[in-house]
Amino acid sequence: MKLIHGTTQHGAGTKTGSQFTGTVHAYLTMPATDGVTINTVNFAPGARTYWHTHEHGQILQVLAGSGYVATEQDGVRLLRAGDTVWCPPGERHWHGAAPDSFMSHTAISLGTTAWAEEVAPEQYPAPSPQRTETP
């Protein structure tokens, strides 16, 4: 068993640049353990990740606010507090806050993350993303 107390979060701080557009506060909730990394990420309005993939997939749990998640195949989807997203292994995607809202999520990344290029301005924000629900 490994217990990581919330008061000792590793790597708390503001992130900009190589992996994010805009202001992002990322907290390393659980450092890589057996191929699993958990981050709690707070995105300022309009902030978002770059395109990326995960070796064994990623789970996103939206804690507060609203934002987007997008894949090349599915386009942009609206996220709200309480939503959970499964990104399968190797699926190219990005996620972040809506232009008019902060968003906070927990990201559970499985295996290594491969970062790619910044989300192009014409890819964000997408016009009228639709919230879709899976049974």
N, C-alpha and C. Protein backbone atom coordinates (compact mmCIF):
# COMPACT_ATOMS: atom_id res chain seq x y z
N MET A 1 0.85 -1.17 0.00
CA MET A 1 0.00 0.00 0.00
C MET A 1 0.90 1.23 0.00
N LYS A 2 0.42 2.26 -0.68
CA LYS A 2 1.11 3.54 -0.68
C LYS A 2 0.07 4.60 -0.36
N LEU A 3 0.28 5.37 0.69
CA LEU A 3 -0.63 6.44 1.10
C LEU A 3 0.07 7.76 0.87
N ILE A 4 -0.57 8.63 0.11
CA ILE A 4 -0.02 9.96 -0.17
C ILE A 4 -1.00 10.97 0.40
N HIS A 5 -0.61 11.66 1.45
CA HIS A 5 -1.49 12.63 2.08
C HIS A 5 -1.64 13.86 1.19
N GLY A 6 -2.86 14.38 1.12
CA GLY A 6 -3.15 15.55 0.29
C GLY A 6 -2.31 16.76 0.62
N THR A 7 -1.86 16.86 1.84
CA THR A 7 -1.06 18.01 2.24
C THR A 7 0.38 17.93 1.74
N THR A 8 0.74 16.79 1.15
CA THR A 8 2.11 16.63 0.66
C THR A 8 2.14 16.40 -0.85
N GLN A 9 1.19 17.00 -1.56
CA GLN A 9 1.15 16.84 -3.02
C GLN A 9 2.48 17.26 -3.61
N HIS A 10 2.96 16.47 -4.53
CA HIS A 10 4.25 16.72 -5.17
C HIS A 10 4.06 17.60 -6.40
N GLY A 11 4.98 18.53 -6.62
CA GLY A 11 5.02 19.29 -7.86
C GLY A 11 3.91 20.29 -8.04
N ALA A 12 3.33 20.79 -6.96
CA ALA A 12 2.27 21.77 -7.10
C ALA A 12 2.84 23.03 -7.73
N GLY A 13 2.14 23.58 -8.69
CA GLY A 13 2.61 24.82 -9.29
C GLY A 13 1.93 25.14 -10.60
N THR A 14 2.24 26.31 -11.11
CA THR A 14 1.67 26.77 -12.36
C THR A 14 2.44 26.15 -13.52
N LYS A 15 1.72 25.71 -14.52
CA LYS A 15 2.35 25.14 -15.70
C LYS A 15 1.93 25.94 -16.92
N THR A 16 2.88 26.31 -17.73
CA THR A 16 2.60 26.93 -19.02
C THR A 16 3.62 26.38 -19.99
N GLY A 17 3.36 26.56 -21.26
CA GLY A 17 4.36 26.17 -22.24
C GLY A 17 4.18 24.78 -22.79
N SER A 18 5.24 24.01 -22.78
CA SER A 18 5.40 22.80 -23.56
C SER A 18 4.22 21.83 -23.61
N GLN A 19 3.35 21.81 -22.64
CA GLN A 19 2.23 20.87 -22.64
C GLN A 19 0.87 21.54 -22.54
N PHE A 20 0.87 22.87 -22.31
CA PHE A 20 -0.39 23.57 -22.07
C PHE A 20 -0.41 24.91 -22.79
N THR A 21 -1.61 25.33 -23.16
CA THR A 21 -1.87 26.68 -23.62
C THR A 21 -2.66 27.36 -22.51
N GLY A 22 -2.24 28.55 -22.08
CA GLY A 22 -2.94 29.27 -21.02
C GLY A 22 -2.38 28.92 -19.65
N THR A 23 -3.10 29.38 -18.63
CA THR A 23 -2.65 29.18 -17.25
C THR A 23 -3.27 27.92 -16.67
N VAL A 24 -2.40 27.04 -16.20
CA VAL A 24 -2.82 25.76 -15.65
C VAL A 24 -2.07 25.54 -14.34
N HIS A 25 -2.79 25.12 -13.32
CA HIS A 25 -2.16 24.75 -12.04
C HIS A 25 -2.31 23.25 -11.90
N ALA A 26 -1.21 22.54 -11.98
CA ALA A 26 -1.24 21.07 -11.92
C ALA A 26 -0.62 20.61 -10.61
N TYR A 27 -1.26 19.65 -9.99
CA TYR A 27 -0.80 19.08 -8.73
C TYR A 27 -0.59 17.59 -8.93
N LEU A 28 0.62 17.14 -8.74
CA LEU A 28 0.93 15.73 -8.89
C LEU A 28 0.40 15.01 -7.65
N THR A 29 -0.80 14.48 -7.77
CA THR A 29 -1.49 13.84 -6.66
C THR A 29 -0.81 12.53 -6.27
N MET A 30 -0.39 11.75 -7.31
CA MET A 30 0.35 10.53 -7.06
C MET A 30 1.43 10.38 -8.13
N PRO A 31 2.69 10.47 -7.73
CA PRO A 31 3.77 10.26 -8.70
C PRO A 31 3.65 8.88 -9.34
N ALA A 32 4.26 8.71 -10.49
CA ALA A 32 4.19 7.43 -11.21
C ALA A 32 4.45 6.26 -10.26
N THR A 33 3.44 5.40 -10.17
CA THR A 33 3.50 4.22 -9.33
C THR A 33 2.93 3.06 -10.14
N ASP A 34 3.74 2.07 -10.43
CA ASP A 34 3.30 0.92 -11.22
C ASP A 34 2.66 1.36 -12.54
N GLY A 35 3.20 2.40 -13.16
CA GLY A 35 2.70 2.86 -14.45
C GLY A 35 1.47 3.74 -14.38
N VAL A 36 1.06 4.16 -13.20
CA VAL A 36 -0.12 5.01 -13.04
C VAL A 36 0.32 6.34 -12.43
N THR A 37 -0.12 7.45 -13.03
CA THR A 37 0.14 8.79 -12.50
C THR A 37 -1.19 9.49 -12.33
N ILE A 38 -1.38 10.18 -11.20
CA ILE A 38 -2.62 10.91 -10.96
C ILE A 38 -2.29 12.37 -10.73
N ASN A 39 -2.94 13.24 -11.51
CA ASN A 39 -2.78 14.69 -11.39
C ASN A 39 -4.15 15.33 -11.18
N THR A 40 -4.20 16.34 -10.35
CA THR A 40 -5.37 17.20 -10.27
C THR A 40 -4.96 18.48 -10.98
N VAL A 41 -5.75 18.89 -11.97
CA VAL A 41 -5.37 20.02 -12.81
C VAL A 41 -6.48 21.06 -12.80
N ASN A 42 -6.09 22.31 -12.52
CA ASN A 42 -7.02 23.44 -12.56
C ASN A 42 -6.67 24.30 -13.77
N PHE A 43 -7.63 24.43 -14.68
CA PHE A 43 -7.45 25.20 -15.90
C PHE A 43 -8.16 26.55 -15.78
N ALA A 44 -7.47 27.63 -16.09
CA ALA A 44 -8.11 28.95 -16.21
C ALA A 44 -8.96 28.95 -17.48
N PRO A 45 -9.92 29.87 -17.60
CA PRO A 45 -10.73 29.91 -18.81
C PRO A 45 -9.86 29.92 -20.07
N GLY A 46 -10.20 29.02 -20.99
CA GLY A 46 -9.50 28.92 -22.26
C GLY A 46 -8.22 28.10 -22.22
N ALA A 47 -7.74 27.73 -21.05
CA ALA A 47 -6.51 26.94 -20.96
C ALA A 47 -6.80 25.49 -21.34
N ARG A 48 -5.79 24.84 -21.90
CA ARG A 48 -5.98 23.47 -22.38
C ARG A 48 -4.63 22.78 -22.57
N THR A 49 -4.70 21.46 -22.69
CA THR A 49 -3.50 20.68 -22.96
C THR A 49 -3.16 20.79 -24.43
N TYR A 50 -1.98 20.32 -24.77
CA TYR A 50 -1.62 20.07 -26.17
C TYR A 50 -2.24 18.72 -26.55
N TRP A 51 -2.23 18.40 -27.83
CA TRP A 51 -2.61 17.07 -28.29
C TRP A 51 -1.67 16.06 -27.64
N HIS A 52 -2.17 14.91 -27.27
CA HIS A 52 -1.34 13.88 -26.68
C HIS A 52 -2.03 12.52 -26.70
N THR A 53 -1.25 11.48 -26.39
CA THR A 53 -1.78 10.12 -26.27
C THR A 53 -1.22 9.50 -24.99
N HIS A 54 -1.84 8.41 -24.57
CA HIS A 54 -1.40 7.68 -23.39
C HIS A 54 -1.20 6.21 -23.77
N GLU A 55 -0.11 5.67 -23.30
CA GLU A 55 0.26 4.30 -23.63
C GLU A 55 -0.85 3.29 -23.31
N HIS A 56 -1.46 3.42 -22.14
CA HIS A 56 -2.50 2.47 -21.73
C HIS A 56 -3.83 3.16 -21.42
N GLY A 57 -3.98 4.41 -21.86
CA GLY A 57 -5.24 5.12 -21.70
C GLY A 57 -5.20 6.17 -20.59
N GLN A 58 -6.31 6.90 -20.47
CA GLN A 58 -6.43 7.94 -19.45
C GLN A 58 -7.88 8.07 -19.02
N ILE A 59 -8.07 8.32 -17.73
CA ILE A 59 -9.40 8.58 -17.17
C ILE A 59 -9.39 10.03 -16.68
N LEU A 60 -10.40 10.79 -17.06
CA LEU A 60 -10.58 12.16 -16.60
C LEU A 60 -11.86 12.23 -15.78
N GLN A 61 -11.78 12.81 -14.60
CA GLN A 61 -12.96 13.02 -13.76
C GLN A 61 -13.08 14.52 -13.52
N VAL A 62 -14.13 15.12 -14.08
CA VAL A 62 -14.32 16.56 -13.96
C VAL A 62 -14.90 16.88 -12.59
N LEU A 63 -14.17 17.71 -11.84
CA LEU A 63 -14.55 18.04 -10.47
C LEU A 63 -15.38 19.31 -10.39
N ALA A 64 -15.07 20.31 -11.23
CA ALA A 64 -15.75 21.60 -11.17
C ALA A 64 -15.61 22.32 -12.49
N GLY A 65 -16.57 23.19 -12.77
CA GLY A 65 -16.51 24.02 -13.98
C GLY A 65 -16.98 23.28 -15.22
N SER A 66 -16.61 23.85 -16.37
CA SER A 66 -16.95 23.23 -17.64
C SER A 66 -15.79 23.39 -18.61
N GLY A 67 -15.75 22.48 -19.55
CA GLY A 67 -14.65 22.51 -20.51
C GLY A 67 -14.93 21.60 -21.68
N TYR A 68 -13.84 21.19 -22.33
CA TYR A 68 -13.94 20.36 -23.52
C TYR A 68 -12.95 19.21 -23.45
N VAL A 69 -13.29 18.14 -24.14
CA VAL A 69 -12.35 17.08 -24.49
C VAL A 69 -12.57 16.84 -25.98
N ALA A 70 -11.48 16.58 -26.71
CA ALA A 70 -11.61 16.40 -28.15
C ALA A 70 -10.69 15.29 -28.63
N THR A 71 -11.18 14.56 -29.63
CA THR A 71 -10.35 13.60 -30.36
C THR A 71 -10.48 13.92 -31.84
N GLU A 72 -9.56 13.43 -32.62
CA GLU A 72 -9.64 13.65 -34.06
C GLU A 72 -10.86 12.95 -34.65
N GLN A 73 -11.22 11.79 -34.11
CA GLN A 73 -12.35 11.02 -34.64
C GLN A 73 -13.70 11.59 -34.19
N ASP A 74 -13.81 11.97 -32.91
CA ASP A 74 -15.10 12.36 -32.34
C ASP A 74 -15.34 13.86 -32.29
N GLY A 75 -14.32 14.66 -32.55
CA GLY A 75 -14.47 16.11 -32.44
C GLY A 75 -14.50 16.56 -30.99
N VAL A 76 -15.08 17.73 -30.77
CA VAL A 76 -15.09 18.36 -29.44
C VAL A 76 -16.36 17.98 -28.69
N ARG A 77 -16.21 17.63 -27.42
CA ARG A 77 -17.34 17.30 -26.55
C ARG A 77 -17.30 18.21 -25.33
N LEU A 78 -18.47 18.64 -24.90
CA LEU A 78 -18.60 19.50 -23.72
C LEU A 78 -18.47 18.66 -22.45
N LEU A 79 -17.72 19.19 -21.49
CA LEU A 79 -17.57 18.54 -20.18
C LEU A 79 -18.16 19.42 -19.10
N ARG A 80 -18.77 18.78 -18.10
CA ARG A 80 -19.29 19.49 -16.93
C ARG A 80 -18.91 18.72 -15.68
N ALA A 81 -18.99 19.39 -14.54
CA ALA A 81 -18.68 18.75 -13.26
C ALA A 81 -19.47 17.45 -13.13
N GLY A 82 -18.79 16.41 -12.69
CA GLY A 82 -19.42 15.10 -12.53
C GLY A 82 -19.18 14.16 -13.70
N ASP A 83 -18.72 14.68 -14.85
CA ASP A 83 -18.47 13.83 -16.01
C ASP A 83 -17.19 13.03 -15.84
N THR A 84 -17.17 11.84 -16.41
CA THR A 84 -15.99 10.99 -16.47
C THR A 84 -15.73 10.64 -17.92
N VAL A 85 -14.46 10.68 -18.32
CA VAL A 85 -14.06 10.39 -19.70
C VAL A 85 -13.05 9.25 -19.69
N TRP A 86 -13.20 8.30 -20.60
CA TRP A 86 -12.20 7.26 -20.83
C TRP A 86 -11.59 7.52 -22.20
N CYS A 87 -10.29 7.74 -22.24
CA CYS A 87 -9.53 7.88 -23.49
C CYS A 87 -8.73 6.59 -23.65
N PRO A 88 -9.07 5.76 -24.65
CA PRO A 88 -8.38 4.47 -24.79
C PRO A 88 -6.90 4.62 -25.15
N PRO A 89 -6.13 3.56 -24.99
CA PRO A 89 -4.72 3.60 -25.32
C PRO A 89 -4.49 4.13 -26.74
N GLY A 90 -3.54 5.05 -26.87
CA GLY A 90 -3.16 5.58 -28.17
C GLY A 90 -4.10 6.58 -28.79
N GLU A 91 -5.24 6.89 -28.15
CA GLU A 91 -6.19 7.84 -28.74
C GLU A 91 -5.65 9.27 -28.59
N ARG A 92 -5.49 9.95 -29.71
CA ARG A 92 -4.98 11.32 -29.73
C ARG A 92 -6.09 12.26 -29.28
N HIS A 93 -5.81 13.06 -28.24
CA HIS A 93 -6.85 13.91 -27.68
C HIS A 93 -6.24 15.13 -26.99
N TRP A 94 -7.11 16.07 -26.60
CA TRP A 94 -6.75 17.20 -25.75
C TRP A 94 -7.94 17.49 -24.85
N HIS A 95 -7.70 18.25 -23.77
CA HIS A 95 -8.79 18.62 -22.86
C HIS A 95 -8.42 19.91 -22.15
N GLY A 96 -9.46 20.64 -21.72
CA GLY A 96 -9.22 21.89 -21.02
C GLY A 96 -10.51 22.63 -20.74
N ALA A 97 -10.36 23.86 -20.23
CA ALA A 97 -11.51 24.67 -19.82
C ALA A 97 -12.21 25.31 -21.02
N ALA A 98 -13.48 25.60 -20.84
CA ALA A 98 -14.23 26.38 -21.82
C ALA A 98 -13.71 27.83 -21.78
N PRO A 99 -13.97 28.62 -22.82
CA PRO A 99 -13.44 29.98 -22.83
C PRO A 99 -14.02 30.88 -21.73
N ASP A 100 -15.17 30.49 -21.17
CA ASP A 100 -15.83 31.33 -20.17
C ASP A 100 -15.95 30.66 -18.80
N SER A 101 -15.11 29.63 -18.54
CA SER A 101 -15.22 28.91 -17.28
C SER A 101 -13.87 28.35 -16.86
N PHE A 102 -13.65 28.30 -15.56
CA PHE A 102 -12.55 27.51 -15.03
C PHE A 102 -12.98 26.05 -15.11
N MET A 103 -12.02 25.14 -15.08
CA MET A 103 -12.35 23.72 -14.99
C MET A 103 -11.27 23.02 -14.17
N SER A 104 -11.70 22.12 -13.31
CA SER A 104 -10.79 21.32 -12.52
C SER A 104 -11.11 19.86 -12.78
N HIS A 105 -10.07 19.06 -13.04
CA HIS A 105 -10.28 17.63 -13.21
C HIS A 105 -9.14 16.83 -12.60
N THR A 106 -9.45 15.58 -12.31
CA THR A 106 -8.44 14.62 -11.92
C THR A 106 -8.14 13.80 -13.16
N ALA A 107 -6.85 13.68 -13.49
CA ALA A 107 -6.41 12.90 -14.64
C ALA A 107 -5.62 11.70 -14.15
N ILE A 108 -6.10 10.51 -14.50
CA ILE A 108 -5.43 9.27 -14.14
C ILE A 108 -4.83 8.72 -15.43
N SER A 109 -3.51 8.83 -15.54
CA SER A 109 -2.81 8.45 -16.77
C SER A 109 -2.15 7.10 -16.57
N LEU A 110 -2.37 6.22 -17.54
CA LEU A 110 -1.87 4.85 -17.47
C LEU A 110 -0.73 4.67 -18.47
N GLY A 111 0.46 4.38 -17.98
CA GLY A 111 1.63 4.26 -18.85
C GLY A 111 2.19 5.64 -19.18
N THR A 112 3.00 5.68 -20.21
CA THR A 112 3.65 6.94 -20.59
C THR A 112 2.71 7.83 -21.40
N THR A 113 2.99 9.13 -21.34
CA THR A 113 2.24 10.12 -22.12
C THR A 113 3.15 10.63 -23.23
N ALA A 114 2.63 10.66 -24.44
CA ALA A 114 3.38 11.20 -25.59
C ALA A 114 2.74 12.53 -25.99
N TRP A 115 3.46 13.64 -25.75
CA TRP A 115 2.95 14.97 -26.05
C TRP A 115 3.22 15.32 -27.51
N ALA A 116 2.28 16.02 -28.12
CA ALA A 116 2.41 16.45 -29.52
C ALA A 116 2.28 17.97 -29.58
N GLU A 117 1.69 18.47 -30.65
CA GLU A 117 1.64 19.91 -30.90
C GLU A 117 0.48 20.60 -30.18
N GLU A 118 0.57 21.91 -30.14
CA GLU A 118 -0.46 22.76 -29.56
C GLU A 118 -1.76 22.62 -30.36
N VAL A 119 -2.89 22.76 -29.67
CA VAL A 119 -4.19 22.76 -30.33
C VAL A 119 -4.28 24.04 -31.16
N ALA A 120 -4.54 23.92 -32.45
CA ALA A 120 -4.62 25.08 -33.34
C ALA A 120 -5.81 25.95 -32.97
N PRO A 121 -5.71 27.27 -33.16
CA PRO A 121 -6.82 28.17 -32.81
C PRO A 121 -8.15 27.77 -33.44
N GLU A 122 -8.11 27.24 -34.65
CA GLU A 122 -9.37 26.85 -35.31
C GLU A 122 -9.95 25.56 -34.73
N GLN A 123 -9.19 24.85 -33.90
CA GLN A 123 -9.68 23.63 -33.25
C GLN A 123 -10.31 23.93 -31.89
N TYR A 124 -10.12 25.19 -31.40
CA TYR A 124 -10.64 25.59 -30.09
C TYR A 124 -11.05 27.04 -30.14
N PRO A 125 -12.19 27.42 -29.61
CA PRO A 125 -13.28 26.52 -29.25
C PRO A 125 -14.04 26.10 -30.50
N ALA A 126 -14.52 24.90 -30.49
CA ALA A 126 -15.31 24.40 -31.60
C ALA A 126 -16.71 24.99 -31.51
N PRO A 127 -17.35 25.21 -32.64
CA PRO A 127 -18.71 25.75 -32.60
C PRO A 127 -19.71 24.75 -32.04
N SER A 128 -20.46 25.19 -31.05
CA SER A 128 -21.58 24.43 -30.47
C SER A 128 -21.29 22.96 -30.21
N PRO A 129 -20.33 22.64 -29.35
CA PRO A 129 -20.12 21.22 -29.04
C PRO A 129 -21.35 20.65 -28.34
N GLN A 130 -21.64 19.42 -28.62
CA GLN A 130 -22.82 18.78 -28.05
C GLN A 130 -22.38 17.83 -26.95
N ARG A 131 -23.12 17.86 -25.85
CA ARG A 131 -22.86 16.92 -24.77
C ARG A 131 -23.50 15.60 -25.16
N THR A 132 -22.70 14.57 -25.17
CA THR A 132 -23.25 13.25 -25.49
C THR A 132 -23.06 12.37 -24.27
N GLU A 133 -24.02 11.50 -24.06
CA GLU A 133 -23.95 10.64 -22.90
C GLU A 133 -23.97 9.20 -23.34
N THR A 134 -23.17 8.40 -22.71
CA THR A 134 -23.12 6.97 -22.99
C THR A 134 -23.80 6.24 -21.85
N PRO A 135 -24.70 5.31 -22.19
CA PRO A 135 -25.38 4.57 -21.12
C PRO A 135 -24.43 3.77 -20.27
